[in-house]
Amino acid sequence: MKIIKILGTGCAKYKAVTSLVQDVVNENNINAHIEKVEDITEILTFNVMATPAVIIDSIIAIKGRVPSKSEVFELLTQ
């Protein structure tokens, strides 16, 4: 099971990334647990200065931008 953390403070890009990741997981039946991290203090513990960020299995995969659907799929199926 993939552990996915999406970091952000609720901005439009954060919501877009959250929706995109959930769509990819659902459409491809990927076994994953998605956790939204919105608390700024907790976000800072990941040493990420640009949000939204996506962390997959403790590795920062995306930060500061909205990825494409195909990029998310590739990251989740590696």
Protein backbone atom coordinates (compact mmCIF):
# COMPACT_ATOMS: atom_id res chain seq x y z
CA MET A 1 0.00 0.00 0.00
CA LYS A 2 1.26 3.45 -0.95
CA ILE A 3 1.19 6.11 1.75
CA ILE A 4 0.51 9.48 0.11
CA LYS A 5 0.65 12.77 1.99
CA ILE A 6 -0.53 15.92 0.28
CA LEU A 7 0.80 19.07 1.91
CA GLY A 8 -0.86 22.45 1.53
CA THR A 9 -2.79 25.18 3.27
CA GLY A 10 -6.03 24.99 1.29
CA CYS A 11 -5.19 27.10 -1.77
CA ALA A 12 -6.59 26.35 -5.23
CA LYS A 13 -3.44 24.47 -6.31
CA TYR A 14 -3.59 22.30 -3.18
CA LYS A 15 -7.21 21.42 -3.91
CA ALA A 16 -6.37 20.64 -7.55
CA VAL A 17 -3.50 18.33 -6.56
CA THR A 18 -5.65 16.60 -3.93
CA SER A 19 -8.43 15.99 -6.43
CA LEU A 20 -5.98 14.82 -9.10
CA VAL A 21 -4.25 12.31 -6.82
CA GLN A 22 -7.60 10.95 -5.60
CA ASP A 23 -8.81 10.59 -9.19
CA VAL A 24 -5.69 8.68 -10.28
CA VAL A 25 -5.92 6.35 -7.26
CA ASN A 26 -9.63 5.67 -7.83
CA GLU A 27 -9.48 5.29 -11.62
CA ASN A 28 -6.58 2.84 -11.51
CA ASN A 29 -7.54 0.89 -8.37
CA ILE A 30 -4.24 1.76 -6.70
CA ASN A 31 -3.97 0.52 -3.14
CA ALA A 32 -3.16 3.75 -1.32
CA HIS A 33 -3.90 5.74 1.80
CA ILE A 34 -4.17 9.48 1.16
CA GLU A 35 -3.57 11.89 4.02
CA LYS A 36 -4.08 15.64 3.72
CA VAL A 37 -1.66 17.72 5.80
CA GLU A 38 -2.91 21.30 6.16
CA ASP A 39 -1.31 22.40 9.44
CA ILE A 40 1.59 24.74 8.64
CA THR A 41 3.61 23.54 11.64
CA GLU A 42 3.34 19.93 10.49
CA ILE A 43 4.13 20.90 6.87
CA LEU A 44 7.38 22.53 8.05
CA THR A 45 8.50 19.23 9.62
CA PHE A 46 8.81 17.83 6.06
CA ASN A 47 11.33 20.56 5.07
CA VAL A 48 9.13 21.59 2.16
CA MET A 49 9.17 25.30 1.37
CA ALA A 50 6.80 25.21 -1.62
CA THR A 51 3.30 23.82 -1.51
CA PRO A 52 1.37 21.97 -2.69
CA ALA A 53 3.64 18.99 -2.20
CA VAL A 54 3.06 15.28 -2.62
CA ILE A 55 5.01 12.80 -0.52
CA ILE A 56 4.82 9.16 -1.57
CA ASP A 57 6.18 6.58 0.88
CA SER A 58 8.25 9.25 2.71
CA ILE A 59 9.81 10.62 -0.51
CA ILE A 60 9.00 14.13 -1.73
CA ALA A 61 7.74 13.48 -5.26
CA ILE A 62 6.23 16.85 -6.21
CA LYS A 63 6.50 20.32 -4.72
CA GLY A 64 5.26 23.76 -5.63
CA ARG A 65 3.21 22.84 -8.69
CA VAL A 66 0.25 20.92 -10.03
CA PRO A 67 1.45 17.79 -11.87
CA SER A 68 -0.16 16.14 -14.86
CA LYS A 69 -2.37 13.11 -14.41
CA SER A 70 0.14 10.92 -16.26
CA GLU A 71 2.96 12.09 -13.98
CA VAL A 72 0.97 11.18 -10.87
CA PHE A 73 0.15 7.77 -12.39
CA GLU A 74 3.84 7.11 -13.11
CA LEU A 75 4.87 8.09 -9.59
CA LEU A 76 2.24 5.85 -8.02
CA THR A 77 2.98 2.80 -10.17
CA GLN A 78 6.77 2.78 -9.82
